[in-house]
Amino acid sequence: MIEHSHLKKYEMSATMNGSDIYFMKILNPKYYIPYHWHDGIEILYNLTGIHQIILKNKTIELHENDLFLINSRTLHATKSSKNNSIILIELPYSFLKKYIPDIDSITYDINPHSQNTKIQTKLSQLKKLIFDMDVIMDIKPDSSNLRLNSLTFELLFQLQHNFKVTTPKRCTNTQQKNAQRLSLILDYVYEHYTEPISIAGISSYVHLQPQYFCRFFKENMGKTFLDFLNEVRLYYAYQDIINTSIPITEIIAKNGFSTYATFRKLFISKFSCTPSTLRKTHPDLKMEFLVTE
């Protein structure tokens, strides 16, 4: 699955109680990350600009000072159509399970656009906490890891106390099997997108007939398998264009595209510019990265 390590980052330390807690501040990104999910939860605090969270059935648009949470194993894509700055926090499943044993029956509901005064007050408290984490990361005072640990647990407490929704999971065997199958498909694509992938091959890999596979994927992802595969390849090609000096012709082959014409057409359709124009005009991506200990 997609990780944020492909982006330029600044790393400060190691782990917290055996689990990696990621805290990132991304400045001036303009990107698209195709559908993926995380085993843990992801918190996004949009500082400036516009950031879109694309879920299966809706799109959440984050504006300045908006906060949003993506629950465990929630399929989503992210897009920044305008330059923005955002703070991203990832709490892994192992950390959540250790301190919240019933995490499998819990989701968190954060509505960034709620007009409810009480909810807005709770959101303000959460934003203040994240801002304090950002300040510590920026100035790095003595005992900063100790303070970050404290703030991380306070963050978890606020989520539990103010935003928890208990949702006992009663997945049928069919639902569990479908989720496992979809996970296999996505993992396979992210591991093999540089190689030729055919409908026949991926269908055989998950033990489905090609026609049923296509229908299954479209019903669960809201798009065709080929469209998704191209999005993943375009995503990695985009990162290579802005972060490396590799010739574009090599990037095309490196990321699984067979012809320049196909790549260029898909690229322009997705990003509204040519690959060469992107390389000339895209600003450097800056990121601060912290794993608390």
Protein backbone atom coordinates (compact mmCIF):
# COMPACT_ATOMS: atom_id res chain seq x y z
CA MET A 1 0.00 0.00 0.00
CA ILE A 2 0.98 3.64 -0.32
CA GLU A 3 3.30 5.07 2.32
CA HIS A 4 4.35 8.68 2.74
CA SER A 5 8.04 7.79 2.81
CA HIS A 6 8.37 8.42 -0.93
CA LEU A 7 8.01 12.15 -0.25
CA LYS A 8 10.87 14.33 0.94
CA LYS A 9 10.84 14.19 4.70
CA TYR A 10 12.60 15.11 7.90
CA GLU A 11 12.92 12.33 10.47
CA MET A 12 13.68 13.02 14.14
CA SER A 13 13.48 9.82 16.16
CA ALA A 14 12.20 6.24 16.47
CA THR A 15 9.12 4.60 17.95
CA MET A 16 6.69 5.03 20.80
CA ASN A 17 5.96 1.99 22.94
CA GLY A 18 6.88 -0.33 20.11
CA SER A 19 4.76 1.44 17.47
CA ASP A 20 5.64 4.08 14.88
CA ILE A 21 3.64 7.26 15.39
CA TYR A 22 4.00 9.46 12.32
CA PHE A 23 3.73 13.21 12.48
CA MET A 24 4.31 15.07 9.23
CA LYS A 25 3.99 18.64 8.11
CA ILE A 26 3.75 18.93 4.34
CA LEU A 27 4.33 22.32 2.76
CA ASN A 28 3.24 23.35 -0.74
CA PRO A 29 2.12 19.95 -2.00
CA LYS A 30 0.17 19.60 -5.21
CA TYR A 31 -0.54 15.97 -5.79
CA TYR A 32 -2.97 13.11 -6.16
CA ILE A 33 -2.68 9.86 -4.20
CA PRO A 34 -4.87 7.04 -5.58
CA TYR A 35 -7.18 4.83 -3.53
CA HIS A 36 -5.54 3.09 -0.57
CA TRP A 37 -6.17 2.44 3.09
CA HIS A 38 -4.30 2.23 6.39
CA ASP A 39 -4.65 -0.30 9.21
CA GLY A 40 -4.52 2.56 11.70
CA ILE A 41 -6.20 5.98 11.67
CA GLU A 42 -5.08 9.12 9.88
CA ILE A 43 -5.71 12.69 11.07
CA LEU A 44 -5.38 15.59 8.64
CA TYR A 45 -5.25 19.21 9.77
CA ASN A 46 -5.38 21.51 6.76
CA LEU A 47 -3.54 24.74 7.52
CA THR A 48 -3.85 26.56 4.19
CA GLY A 49 -5.20 25.94 0.71
CA ILE A 50 -7.59 23.18 -0.35
CA HIS A 51 -7.22 19.44 0.27
CA GLN A 52 -9.72 16.83 -0.95
CA ILE A 53 -10.41 13.45 0.67
CA ILE A 54 -12.10 11.22 -1.88
CA LEU A 55 -14.13 8.43 -0.29
CA LYS A 56 -16.09 5.76 -2.12
CA ASN A 57 -19.40 7.64 -2.06
CA LYS A 58 -18.43 11.27 -1.42
CA THR A 59 -15.64 13.85 -1.47
CA ILE A 60 -14.70 15.88 1.61
CA GLU A 61 -13.12 19.23 0.81
CA LEU A 62 -10.88 20.65 3.51
CA HIS A 63 -10.28 24.39 3.62
CA GLU A 64 -8.10 26.50 5.88
CA ASN A 65 -8.20 25.32 9.53
CA ASP A 66 -10.32 22.23 8.73
CA LEU A 67 -9.66 18.94 10.53
CA PHE A 68 -10.63 15.45 9.38
CA LEU A 69 -10.07 11.85 10.48
CA ILE A 70 -9.91 8.77 8.25
CA ASN A 71 -10.79 5.59 10.10
CA SER A 72 -8.98 2.27 9.92
CA ARG A 73 -9.21 0.42 6.58
CA THR A 74 -11.30 3.17 5.01
CA LEU A 75 -10.69 3.27 1.28
CA HIS A 76 -9.73 6.81 0.24
CA ALA A 77 -7.79 8.91 -2.20
CA THR A 78 -6.34 12.37 -1.54
CA LYS A 79 -5.86 15.32 -3.83
CA SER A 80 -4.48 18.82 -3.53
CA SER A 81 -5.72 20.94 -6.41
CA LYS A 82 -4.08 24.06 -5.03
CA ASN A 83 -0.85 24.56 -3.12
CA ASN A 84 -1.53 24.00 0.54
CA SER A 85 0.08 23.10 3.84
CA ILE A 86 -1.19 20.27 5.97
CA ILE A 87 -0.31 18.39 9.16
CA LEU A 88 -0.72 14.63 8.94
CA ILE A 89 -0.75 12.26 11.92
CA GLU A 90 -0.91 8.48 11.59
CA LEU A 91 -1.70 6.30 14.62
CA PRO A 92 -0.98 2.65 13.72
CA TYR A 93 -3.29 -0.23 14.56
CA SER A 94 -0.76 -1.84 16.94
CA PHE A 95 -0.65 1.34 19.04
CA LEU A 96 -4.42 1.74 19.06
CA LYS A 97 -5.02 -1.93 19.93
CA LYS A 98 -2.59 -1.76 22.85
CA TYR A 99 -4.33 1.16 24.55
CA ILE A 100 -7.87 0.71 23.22
CA PRO A 101 -8.51 -3.06 23.24
CA ASP A 102 -11.98 -2.69 21.69
CA ILE A 103 -10.70 -0.53 18.81
CA ASP A 104 -12.14 -3.02 16.29
CA SER A 105 -15.65 -1.97 17.31
CA ILE A 106 -14.93 1.76 17.29
CA THR A 107 -14.87 4.47 14.67
CA TYR A 108 -14.28 8.20 15.13
CA ASP A 109 -16.56 10.81 13.61
CA ILE A 110 -15.08 14.25 12.93
CA ASN A 111 -17.23 16.58 10.86
CA PRO A 112 -15.05 19.54 9.86
CA HIS A 113 -18.07 21.54 8.67
CA SER A 114 -20.36 21.02 11.66
CA GLN A 115 -22.24 24.12 12.82
CA ASN A 116 -22.80 22.65 16.28
CA THR A 117 -21.17 24.89 18.89
CA LYS A 118 -20.20 22.01 21.20
CA ILE A 119 -18.59 20.08 18.35
CA GLN A 120 -16.71 23.18 17.20
CA THR A 121 -15.38 23.65 20.74
CA LYS A 122 -14.14 20.06 20.81
CA LEU A 123 -12.55 20.50 17.39
CA SER A 124 -10.81 23.65 18.58
CA GLN A 125 -9.33 21.74 21.52
CA LEU A 126 -8.05 19.04 19.18
CA LYS A 127 -6.55 21.60 16.80
CA LYS A 128 -4.81 23.34 19.70
CA LEU A 129 -3.26 20.06 20.75
CA ILE A 130 -2.01 19.34 17.22
CA PHE A 131 -0.67 22.88 16.98
CA ASP A 132 1.29 22.32 20.22
CA MET A 133 2.77 19.15 18.69
CA ASP A 134 3.78 21.15 15.64
CA VAL A 135 5.47 23.83 17.77
CA ILE A 136 7.49 21.21 19.65
CA MET A 137 8.52 19.58 16.40
CA ASP A 138 9.61 22.96 15.06
CA ILE A 139 11.65 24.27 17.99
CA LYS A 140 12.75 20.88 19.41
CA PRO A 141 13.14 21.91 23.07
CA ASP A 142 14.78 19.75 25.74
CA SER A 143 12.69 16.68 26.63
CA SER A 144 10.67 17.18 23.44
CA ASN A 145 10.06 13.42 23.05
CA LEU A 146 8.59 13.26 26.55
CA ARG A 147 6.23 16.14 25.79
CA LEU A 148 5.24 14.63 22.43
CA ASN A 149 4.45 11.34 24.12
CA SER A 150 2.21 13.19 26.55
CA LEU A 151 0.44 15.05 23.75
CA THR A 152 -0.05 11.86 21.76
CA PHE A 153 -1.88 10.23 24.66
CA GLU A 154 -3.91 13.41 25.17
CA LEU A 155 -4.81 13.23 21.47
CA LEU A 156 -5.97 9.66 21.92
CA PHE A 157 -7.98 10.63 25.01
CA GLN A 158 -9.74 13.45 23.17
CA LEU A 159 -10.64 11.16 20.29
CA GLN A 160 -12.06 8.60 22.71
CA HIS A 161 -13.91 11.12 24.86
CA ASN A 162 -15.26 13.48 22.21
CA PHE A 163 -15.44 11.71 18.84
CA LYS A 164 -15.92 7.98 19.48
CA VAL A 165 -18.73 6.10 17.79
CA THR A 166 -19.24 2.49 18.89
CA THR A 167 -20.11 0.37 15.89
CA PRO A 168 -20.10 -3.36 16.59
CA LYS A 169 -18.88 -5.06 13.45
CA ARG A 170 -21.13 -7.83 12.27
CA CYS A 171 -19.47 -8.66 8.98
CA THR A 172 -20.82 -11.71 7.22
CA ASN A 173 -18.43 -14.34 5.92
CA THR A 174 -19.03 -12.99 2.42
CA GLN A 175 -18.17 -9.42 3.47
CA GLN A 176 -14.98 -10.58 5.17
CA LYS A 177 -14.01 -12.63 2.15
CA ASN A 178 -14.65 -9.71 -0.20
CA ALA A 179 -12.58 -7.36 1.99
CA GLN A 180 -9.70 -9.83 2.05
CA ARG A 181 -9.92 -10.27 -1.71
CA LEU A 182 -9.92 -6.52 -2.34
CA SER A 183 -6.92 -6.15 -0.02
CA LEU A 184 -5.06 -8.81 -2.02
CA ILE A 185 -5.82 -6.97 -5.27
CA LEU A 186 -4.69 -3.57 -4.02
CA ASP A 187 -1.54 -4.95 -2.43
CA TYR A 188 -0.69 -6.79 -5.63
CA VAL A 189 -1.09 -3.65 -7.74
CA TYR A 190 1.12 -1.55 -5.46
CA GLU A 191 3.77 -4.28 -5.45
CA HIS A 192 3.71 -5.02 -9.20
CA TYR A 193 2.54 -1.82 -10.92
CA THR A 194 5.91 -1.55 -12.72
CA GLU A 195 5.24 -4.88 -14.44
CA PRO A 196 2.65 -5.87 -17.06
CA ILE A 197 -0.64 -6.72 -15.29
CA SER A 198 -3.47 -8.25 -17.26
CA ILE A 199 -7.09 -8.81 -16.27
CA ALA A 200 -6.58 -12.52 -16.82
CA GLY A 201 -3.51 -12.56 -14.60
CA ILE A 202 -4.94 -10.59 -11.68
CA SER A 203 -8.23 -12.51 -11.90
CA SER A 204 -6.37 -15.79 -11.63
CA TYR A 205 -4.35 -14.45 -8.70
CA VAL A 206 -7.52 -13.91 -6.64
CA HIS A 207 -9.27 -17.00 -8.02
CA LEU A 208 -12.04 -15.23 -9.95
CA GLN A 209 -13.27 -15.44 -13.51
CA PRO A 210 -12.23 -12.31 -15.48
CA GLN A 211 -15.81 -11.13 -16.06
CA TYR A 212 -16.74 -11.52 -12.39
CA PHE A 213 -13.45 -9.90 -11.33
CA CYS A 214 -14.21 -6.78 -13.39
CA ARG A 215 -17.69 -6.53 -11.91
CA PHE A 216 -16.42 -7.16 -8.37
CA PHE A 217 -13.74 -4.48 -8.66
CA LYS A 218 -16.07 -1.86 -10.15
CA GLU A 219 -18.69 -2.46 -7.45
CA ASN A 220 -16.16 -2.12 -4.61
CA MET A 221 -13.93 0.63 -6.00
CA GLY A 222 -16.33 2.71 -8.08
CA LYS A 223 -14.00 2.52 -11.09
CA THR A 224 -12.58 -0.06 -13.46
CA PHE A 225 -9.45 -2.02 -12.65
CA LEU A 226 -7.61 -0.49 -15.61
CA ASP A 227 -8.47 3.04 -14.45
CA PHE A 228 -7.16 2.25 -10.97
CA LEU A 229 -3.97 0.65 -12.30
CA ASN A 230 -3.28 3.70 -14.45
CA GLU A 231 -3.87 6.02 -11.48
CA VAL A 232 -1.30 4.13 -9.40
CA ARG A 233 1.24 4.25 -12.22
CA LEU A 234 0.58 7.95 -12.83
CA TYR A 235 1.02 8.66 -9.13
CA TYR A 236 4.48 7.13 -9.00
CA ALA A 237 5.45 8.69 -12.34
CA TYR A 238 4.38 12.08 -10.96
CA GLN A 239 6.61 11.60 -7.92
CA ASP A 240 9.55 10.64 -10.12
CA ILE A 241 9.06 13.71 -12.29
CA ILE A 242 9.05 16.20 -9.41
CA ASN A 243 11.57 14.48 -7.14
CA THR A 244 14.20 13.09 -9.54
CA SER A 245 16.11 14.05 -12.67
CA ILE A 246 15.38 10.73 -14.38
CA PRO A 247 14.53 11.34 -18.07
CA ILE A 248 10.80 11.21 -18.67
CA THR A 249 11.20 8.43 -21.24
CA GLU A 250 12.80 6.28 -18.54
CA ILE A 251 10.10 7.21 -16.01
CA ILE A 252 7.45 5.97 -18.44
CA ALA A 253 9.04 2.52 -18.72
CA LYS A 254 9.95 2.43 -15.02
CA ASN A 255 6.31 2.84 -13.99
CA GLY A 256 4.70 0.25 -16.25
CA PHE A 257 3.57 2.31 -19.25
CA SER A 258 4.15 0.74 -22.64
CA THR A 259 4.06 3.84 -24.87
CA TYR A 260 4.74 7.56 -24.53
CA ALA A 261 1.51 8.45 -26.33
CA THR A 262 -0.63 6.53 -23.84
CA PHE A 263 1.26 7.93 -20.86
CA ARG A 264 1.06 11.52 -22.10
CA LYS A 265 -2.68 11.31 -22.79
CA LEU A 266 -3.44 9.85 -19.37
CA PHE A 267 -1.11 12.30 -17.63
CA ILE A 268 -2.69 15.37 -19.20
CA SER A 269 -6.17 14.05 -18.42
CA LYS A 270 -5.27 13.55 -14.73
CA PHE A 271 -3.01 16.55 -14.03
CA SER A 272 -4.02 19.08 -16.74
CA CYS A 273 -0.44 19.61 -17.89
CA THR A 274 2.28 17.75 -19.76
CA PRO A 275 5.01 15.84 -17.88
CA SER A 276 7.70 18.25 -19.09
CA THR A 277 5.67 21.29 -18.00
CA LEU A 278 5.22 19.79 -14.53
CA ARG A 279 8.94 19.26 -14.15
CA LYS A 280 9.68 22.87 -15.13
CA THR A 281 7.06 24.55 -12.98
CA HIS A 282 6.46 22.38 -9.92
CA PRO A 283 7.90 23.90 -6.70
CA ASP A 284 10.09 21.84 -4.44
CA LEU A 285 8.05 19.76 -2.03
CA LYS A 286 9.00 20.37 1.55
CA MET A 287 8.09 18.08 4.43
CA GLU A 288 8.92 17.86 8.09
CA PHE A 289 8.61 14.34 9.47
CA LEU A 290 8.56 13.09 13.03
CA VAL A 291 8.23 9.69 14.62
CA THR A 292 7.83 10.10 18.37
CA GLU A 293 9.63 7.93 20.87
